Amino acid sequence: MLTGKQKRFLRSKAHHLDPIFQVGKGGVNENMVNQIADALEARELLKVSVLQNCEEDKTVVAEELAEGSGAEIVQIIGNTIVLYKELIENKQITLP
């Protein structure tokens, strides 16, 4: 579980990132969760964009992605979700 200070730090790191994945009309599926999990293994921190034609609520999408990939939700702002997964090896981000 992330503290408020850690979430603030991660939000500042994620500010300059562009969304890598988009969740659209099909919603969240197993293939997308696997790809996001792989991307988190390489990057630790990423953004996911929820398109307007997505039928699910963005908080539900965020929870499904976080649960499926083992990540934590840093922030949901607008239609953008920021996810973080701490790596044991190849750690790039050191939390305060």
Foldseek 3Di string as FASTA:
>chain_A
DDDPQQLVVLCVVAVPADAPEEAACVADDLVVLVVVLVVCQVPQKHKYFYDPRHPDDLVVSQVVSCVSNVWDWSDCDDRMTMTGDADPPPGDDDTD
